[in-house]
Amino acid sequence: MPLAVAGATAPEAASPTATKPYIALVNGKAVSVEEFERAFAVTVRQKFYHSTPPEGEIDKVKREVADGLVDKVLILAEAEKRGVPVDEDRIRETLDGYEQRYGNSPQWKATRERALPELSRELRNQQLLANLEAQVRAIPDPSEKEVRAYYDANKPLFTEPERVHLSVILLKVDPSSPKAVRDQARAEGRDIRERLSRGADFAELAKIHSGDPSAAKGGDLGYIHRGMLSEQLHAGIDALKPGEITEALDVLDGVAIFKLIERSSAKQRELADVRQRAGELLKREQSEQAWKRFVAELRSNATIEQEPQWAATQTSRGP
């Protein structure tokens, strides 16, 4: 659940005020338009840098930012209610860092008295949010029964993919080279392929002709997992039996001839071998579910009123 809010990253950060209209009232506390606009600007910069957001994305981002601001109000109120601790020394150290970094800045001097309390408040809020979330997510380790059920339901996560042991002869061609250069490499590749079909040693020809770093090892690439090569290349390699070679194929870096040395089928790993990873994945999933339930419960018990003129920015998760 993203809390899309503006952090205390600059000394000129201004406080949210209710002088502009609000987008929502959360248990009577206003989420101002000013706060929304600042958080929205930060989120757009983070998501899209300086590029134009794709069509239809702006409304989605607005909803996410509005949701995050509503959630922030609710979570902070709950943290205060629970007495979640904050590290005041750490806050003071951070503020001292601002003083040292911006102390000679005329802008800092002009805004210091107003900015420091706001920065302190924002730093405190950030700790409250993080510490409460850590408390909620601190769930017990899953039981052995739960881990086994997770393993059984998610076996693809614990399956070693098919592997192929390959060697290659690569005739390197710069992608920007003219067509004549690539045509020459294709002709050389066909000649090498013909020599291989007549019994020439693949490793020896790789050492002589290949421009790949594997040339010194006779072209040996080791084991390649599916997905490490293009599907087009895999399609050609899939048709090979151990010891067979492909035709001279166009690849990004030039022209290549592959030899299949060995094929290792996909293999399901036993639970005993992946017990720790399965437990970690399950606990991460359960932690995320616990946090989502917590925020949903805060919302279900809250009174959230939208300002009518901001109906287009309605949160996607109502009370």
Protein backbone atom coordinates (compact mmCIF):
# COMPACT_ATOMS: atom_id res chain seq x y z
CA MET A 1 0.00 0.00 0.00
CA PRO A 2 1.88 3.05 -1.20
CA LEU A 3 1.78 6.14 0.97
CA ALA A 4 2.24 8.63 -1.84
CA VAL A 5 3.15 11.63 0.25
CA ALA A 6 5.80 14.29 0.04
CA GLY A 7 8.67 13.66 2.44
CA ALA A 8 10.82 16.19 4.23
CA THR A 9 13.45 16.24 1.52
CA ALA A 10 13.98 19.98 1.19
CA PRO A 11 14.15 22.79 3.72
CA GLU A 12 11.58 24.82 1.87
CA ALA A 13 8.87 22.21 2.53
CA ALA A 14 5.69 23.99 3.53
CA SER A 15 3.02 22.72 5.87
CA PRO A 16 -0.38 21.55 4.68
CA THR A 17 -2.99 24.16 5.42
CA ALA A 18 -6.72 24.34 5.17
CA THR A 19 -6.61 27.73 3.44
CA LYS A 20 -7.36 25.98 0.15
CA PRO A 21 -10.32 23.60 -0.26
CA TYR A 22 -9.87 20.09 1.00
CA ILE A 23 -10.26 16.89 -1.00
CA ALA A 24 -11.51 14.82 1.94
CA LEU A 25 -12.34 14.88 5.63
CA VAL A 26 -10.97 11.84 7.47
CA ASN A 27 -12.63 11.52 10.87
CA GLY A 28 -13.00 15.29 10.74
CA LYS A 29 -9.38 15.99 9.73
CA ALA A 30 -8.99 17.80 6.41
CA VAL A 31 -6.73 16.57 3.64
CA SER A 32 -6.11 19.86 1.88
CA VAL A 33 -5.84 20.49 -1.83
CA GLU A 34 -2.43 21.99 -1.16
CA GLU A 35 -1.25 18.76 0.47
CA PHE A 36 -2.72 16.71 -2.36
CA GLU A 37 -1.09 18.87 -5.06
CA ARG A 38 2.32 18.65 -3.41
CA ALA A 39 2.12 14.88 -2.98
CA PHE A 40 0.81 14.47 -6.53
CA ALA A 41 3.72 16.49 -7.98
CA VAL A 42 6.26 14.38 -6.07
CA THR A 43 4.63 11.12 -7.18
CA VAL A 44 4.49 12.14 -10.85
CA ARG A 45 8.19 13.04 -10.77
CA GLN A 46 9.06 9.72 -9.15
CA LYS A 47 6.96 7.61 -11.53
CA PHE A 48 7.52 9.41 -14.83
CA TYR A 49 10.61 11.56 -14.24
CA HIS A 50 10.28 14.43 -16.70
CA SER A 51 8.39 12.55 -19.39
CA THR A 52 4.72 12.94 -20.20
CA PRO A 53 2.59 10.36 -18.34
CA PRO A 54 0.81 7.84 -20.60
CA GLU A 55 -2.81 8.57 -21.44
CA GLY A 56 -5.13 7.48 -18.67
CA GLU A 57 -2.34 7.21 -16.07
CA ILE A 58 -2.90 10.63 -14.50
CA ASP A 59 -6.32 9.74 -13.08
CA LYS A 60 -4.90 6.50 -11.70
CA VAL A 61 -2.04 8.36 -10.01
CA LYS A 62 -4.47 10.89 -8.55
CA ARG A 63 -6.50 8.10 -6.98
CA GLU A 64 -3.35 6.48 -5.59
CA VAL A 65 -2.16 9.77 -4.09
CA ALA A 66 -5.57 10.51 -2.58
CA ASP A 67 -5.72 6.98 -1.13
CA GLY A 68 -2.25 7.38 0.31
CA LEU A 69 -3.10 10.67 2.01
CA VAL A 70 -6.28 9.27 3.53
CA ASP A 71 -4.39 6.21 4.75
CA LYS A 72 -1.67 8.43 6.18
CA VAL A 73 -4.18 10.31 8.34
CA LEU A 74 -5.69 7.07 9.63
CA ILE A 75 -2.39 5.34 10.31
CA LEU A 76 -0.89 8.34 12.09
CA ALA A 77 -3.96 8.62 14.31
CA GLU A 78 -3.71 4.91 15.16
CA ALA A 79 0.01 5.22 15.86
CA GLU A 80 -0.64 8.08 18.27
CA LYS A 81 -3.42 6.08 19.89
CA ARG A 82 -1.11 3.09 20.41
CA GLY A 83 1.74 5.22 21.68
CA VAL A 84 4.12 4.03 18.97
CA PRO A 85 7.62 5.23 19.95
CA VAL A 86 9.82 7.57 17.91
CA ASP A 87 13.55 8.23 18.12
CA GLU A 88 13.81 11.89 19.09
CA ASP A 89 17.62 11.81 18.95
CA ARG A 90 17.50 10.64 15.35
CA ILE A 91 15.10 13.47 14.49
CA ARG A 92 17.41 16.04 16.08
CA GLU A 93 20.40 14.60 14.20
CA THR A 94 18.52 14.93 10.91
CA LEU A 95 17.51 18.51 11.67
CA ASP A 96 21.12 19.34 12.60
CA GLY A 97 22.09 17.97 9.21
CA TYR A 98 19.72 20.42 7.52
CA GLU A 99 21.22 23.24 9.58
CA GLN A 100 24.74 22.28 8.50
CA ARG A 101 23.81 21.75 4.86
CA TYR A 102 21.68 24.84 4.31
CA GLY A 103 22.89 27.14 7.10
CA ASN A 104 24.47 29.65 4.71
CA SER A 105 21.56 29.65 2.27
CA PRO A 106 19.57 32.92 2.23
CA GLN A 107 16.42 30.94 1.50
CA TRP A 108 17.03 28.72 4.53
CA LYS A 109 17.63 31.74 6.74
CA ALA A 110 14.40 33.30 5.52
CA THR A 111 12.26 30.17 6.05
CA ARG A 112 14.12 28.48 8.91
CA GLU A 113 11.74 29.40 11.71
CA ARG A 114 8.76 28.11 9.75
CA ALA A 115 10.49 25.14 8.11
CA LEU A 116 12.10 23.55 11.18
CA PRO A 117 8.85 22.75 13.04
CA GLU A 118 7.34 21.37 9.85
CA LEU A 119 10.39 19.25 9.10
CA SER A 120 10.39 17.97 12.66
CA ARG A 121 6.72 17.07 12.40
CA GLU A 122 7.20 15.30 9.08
CA LEU A 123 10.21 13.33 10.33
CA ARG A 124 8.23 12.29 13.38
CA ASN A 125 5.31 11.23 11.19
CA GLN A 126 7.61 9.20 8.96
CA GLN A 127 8.87 7.30 11.99
CA LEU A 128 5.35 6.72 13.30
CA LEU A 129 4.23 5.36 9.94
CA ALA A 130 7.27 3.09 9.56
CA ASN A 131 7.24 1.83 13.14
CA LEU A 132 3.53 1.02 13.19
CA GLU A 133 3.81 -0.78 9.87
CA ALA A 134 6.73 -2.79 11.25
CA GLN A 135 4.62 -3.77 14.29
CA VAL A 136 1.69 -4.89 12.13
CA ARG A 137 3.92 -6.85 9.78
CA ALA A 138 5.77 -8.60 12.64
CA ILE A 139 3.84 -11.85 12.34
CA PRO A 140 4.89 -15.31 13.62
CA ASP A 141 6.82 -17.64 11.34
CA PRO A 142 4.46 -19.90 9.37
CA SER A 143 3.97 -23.45 10.60
CA GLU A 144 5.39 -26.48 8.82
CA LYS A 145 1.88 -27.36 7.65
CA GLU A 146 1.41 -23.88 6.17
CA VAL A 147 4.77 -23.99 4.41
CA ARG A 148 3.99 -27.39 2.87
CA ALA A 149 0.59 -26.16 1.67
CA TYR A 150 2.26 -23.09 0.14
CA TYR A 151 4.87 -25.27 -1.56
CA ASP A 152 2.20 -27.59 -2.98
CA ALA A 153 0.16 -24.63 -4.28
CA ASN A 154 3.14 -22.83 -5.84
CA LYS A 155 5.32 -25.56 -7.30
CA PRO A 156 6.42 -23.48 -10.33
CA LEU A 157 8.26 -21.20 -7.87
CA PHE A 158 10.38 -24.14 -6.81
CA THR A 159 11.05 -25.71 -10.19
CA GLU A 160 14.46 -25.49 -11.82
CA PRO A 161 13.86 -24.49 -15.46
CA GLU A 162 15.12 -26.48 -18.37
CA ARG A 163 18.82 -25.92 -19.07
CA VAL A 164 20.87 -26.50 -22.18
CA HIS A 165 24.64 -26.82 -22.30
CA LEU A 166 25.81 -24.97 -25.41
CA SER A 167 28.89 -24.03 -27.36
CA VAL A 168 28.98 -21.19 -29.89
CA ILE A 169 30.99 -19.84 -32.79
CA LEU A 170 30.18 -16.14 -33.09
CA LEU A 171 31.22 -14.12 -36.10
CA LYS A 172 30.90 -10.63 -34.65
CA VAL A 173 29.26 -7.86 -36.66
CA ASP A 174 28.58 -4.41 -35.29
CA PRO A 175 24.81 -3.75 -35.47
CA SER A 176 25.53 -0.45 -37.23
CA SER A 177 27.62 -2.10 -39.96
CA PRO A 178 26.40 -1.93 -43.57
CA LYS A 179 24.53 -4.88 -45.07
CA ALA A 180 27.59 -5.99 -47.04
CA VAL A 181 29.52 -6.66 -43.81
CA ARG A 182 26.73 -8.84 -42.43
CA ASP A 183 26.36 -10.64 -45.75
CA GLN A 184 30.07 -11.45 -45.64
CA ALA A 185 29.68 -12.86 -42.10
CA ARG A 186 26.72 -14.95 -43.27
CA ALA A 187 28.80 -16.39 -46.09
CA GLU A 188 31.64 -17.18 -43.67
CA GLY A 189 29.15 -18.77 -41.28
CA ARG A 190 27.78 -21.02 -44.00
CA ASP A 191 31.33 -22.07 -44.90
CA ILE A 192 32.15 -22.92 -41.27
CA ARG A 193 28.85 -24.79 -40.96
CA GLU A 194 29.75 -26.83 -44.03
CA ARG A 195 33.19 -27.67 -42.60
CA LEU A 196 31.54 -28.79 -39.34
CA SER A 197 29.15 -31.05 -41.24
CA ARG A 198 32.17 -32.73 -42.81
CA GLY A 199 33.63 -33.52 -39.39
CA ALA A 200 35.70 -30.45 -38.45
CA ASP A 201 36.19 -29.98 -34.71
CA PHE A 202 33.78 -27.39 -33.29
CA ALA A 203 36.07 -26.33 -30.43
CA GLU A 204 39.05 -25.79 -32.73
CA LEU A 205 37.04 -23.67 -35.18
CA ALA A 206 35.61 -21.67 -32.27
CA LYS A 207 39.13 -20.85 -31.07
CA ILE A 208 40.10 -19.68 -34.56
CA HIS A 209 36.96 -17.84 -35.73
CA SER A 210 34.72 -16.95 -32.79
CA GLY A 211 34.59 -13.40 -31.45
CA ASP A 212 32.77 -14.46 -28.28
CA PRO A 213 34.67 -14.47 -24.94
CA SER A 214 34.05 -18.24 -24.82
CA ALA A 215 36.38 -18.77 -27.79
CA ALA A 216 39.34 -19.58 -25.54
CA LYS A 217 37.29 -22.46 -24.10
CA GLY A 218 36.36 -23.80 -27.49
CA GLY A 219 33.10 -21.84 -27.50
CA ASP A 220 31.76 -23.49 -24.32
CA LEU A 221 28.98 -21.27 -22.89
CA GLY A 222 28.09 -23.58 -20.03
CA TYR A 223 24.45 -24.07 -19.10
CA ILE A 224 21.86 -21.61 -20.42
CA HIS A 225 18.40 -21.29 -18.84
CA ARG A 226 15.38 -20.68 -21.02
CA GLY A 227 14.85 -16.96 -21.29
CA MET A 228 18.55 -16.15 -21.52
CA LEU A 229 18.34 -16.45 -25.31
CA SER A 230 15.62 -15.22 -27.63
CA GLU A 231 12.69 -17.54 -28.24
CA GLN A 232 13.67 -17.67 -31.91
CA LEU A 233 17.07 -19.08 -31.01
CA HIS A 234 15.56 -21.45 -28.47
CA ALA A 235 13.20 -22.73 -31.16
CA GLY A 236 16.19 -23.79 -33.27
CA ILE A 237 18.06 -25.24 -30.30
CA ASP A 238 14.97 -27.14 -29.10
CA ALA A 239 15.07 -29.18 -32.32
CA LEU A 240 18.63 -30.35 -31.67
CA LYS A 241 19.81 -33.60 -30.13
CA PRO A 242 23.05 -33.63 -28.10
CA GLY A 243 26.02 -33.29 -30.44
CA GLU A 244 24.02 -31.57 -33.21
CA ILE A 245 24.61 -28.02 -34.44
CA THR A 246 22.39 -25.26 -35.80
CA GLU A 247 22.67 -23.54 -39.14
CA ALA A 248 24.49 -20.17 -39.22
CA LEU A 249 21.94 -17.90 -37.52
CA ASP A 250 21.58 -14.13 -37.43
CA VAL A 251 21.93 -12.78 -33.89
CA LEU A 252 22.21 -9.24 -32.56
CA ASP A 253 26.01 -9.35 -32.43
CA GLY A 254 26.53 -11.01 -35.78
CA VAL A 255 26.19 -14.58 -37.04
CA ALA A 256 26.31 -17.58 -34.71
CA ILE A 257 26.45 -21.36 -34.88
CA PHE A 258 25.39 -23.23 -31.75
CA LYS A 259 26.19 -26.78 -30.69
CA LEU A 260 24.02 -28.62 -28.16
CA ILE A 261 26.19 -30.55 -25.73
CA GLU A 262 23.57 -31.62 -23.19
CA ARG A 263 19.96 -30.91 -22.28
CA SER A 264 18.68 -30.91 -18.69
CA SER A 265 14.91 -31.07 -18.27
CA ALA A 266 12.95 -28.91 -15.83
CA LYS A 267 13.20 -30.34 -12.32
CA GLN A 268 10.89 -29.96 -9.33
CA ARG A 269 12.97 -29.31 -6.21
CA GLU A 270 12.01 -31.18 -3.06
CA LEU A 271 10.50 -29.26 -0.15
CA ALA A 272 13.43 -30.21 2.06
CA ASP A 273 15.76 -28.37 -0.33
CA VAL A 274 13.68 -25.17 -0.53
CA ARG A 275 12.11 -25.13 2.93
CA GLN A 276 13.74 -21.85 3.96
CA ARG A 277 12.86 -20.02 0.75
CA ALA A 278 9.26 -21.30 0.83
CA GLY A 279 8.90 -20.12 4.42
CA GLU A 280 10.33 -16.69 3.59
CA LEU A 281 8.03 -16.23 0.59
CA LEU A 282 4.99 -17.32 2.57
CA LYS A 283 5.83 -15.05 5.50
CA ARG A 284 6.28 -12.11 3.13
CA GLU A 285 2.88 -12.83 1.59
CA GLN A 286 1.23 -13.18 5.00
CA SER A 287 2.88 -9.95 6.18
CA GLU A 288 1.49 -8.08 3.18
CA GLN A 289 -1.96 -9.52 3.80
CA ALA A 290 -1.78 -8.49 7.47
CA TRP A 291 -0.93 -4.92 6.52
CA LYS A 292 -3.69 -4.69 3.93
CA ARG A 293 -6.24 -6.05 6.42
CA PHE A 294 -5.06 -3.55 9.01
CA VAL A 295 -5.47 -0.55 6.69
CA ALA A 296 -8.82 -1.86 5.41
CA GLU A 297 -10.06 -2.15 9.00
CA LEU A 298 -8.98 1.42 9.77
CA ARG A 299 -10.92 2.59 6.73
CA SER A 300 -14.01 0.54 7.58
CA ASN A 301 -14.16 2.16 11.01
CA ALA A 302 -13.50 5.68 9.73
CA THR A 303 -15.75 8.46 8.49
CA ILE A 304 -14.36 9.63 5.16
CA GLU A 305 -16.15 12.49 3.41
CA GLN A 306 -15.18 13.60 -0.09
CA GLU A 307 -15.39 17.25 -1.04
CA PRO A 308 -17.95 17.28 -3.91
CA GLN A 309 -15.88 19.50 -6.19
CA TRP A 310 -13.09 16.92 -5.94
CA ALA A 311 -15.29 13.99 -6.90
CA ALA A 312 -13.00 13.24 -9.87
CA THR A 313 -10.26 12.41 -7.37
CA GLN A 314 -12.32 9.99 -5.33
CA THR A 315 -10.32 7.37 -3.53
CA SER A 316 -10.61 3.90 -5.00
CA ARG A 317 -11.17 2.37 -1.55
CA GLY A 318 -14.08 4.00 0.13
CA PRO A 319 -15.01 3.69 3.79
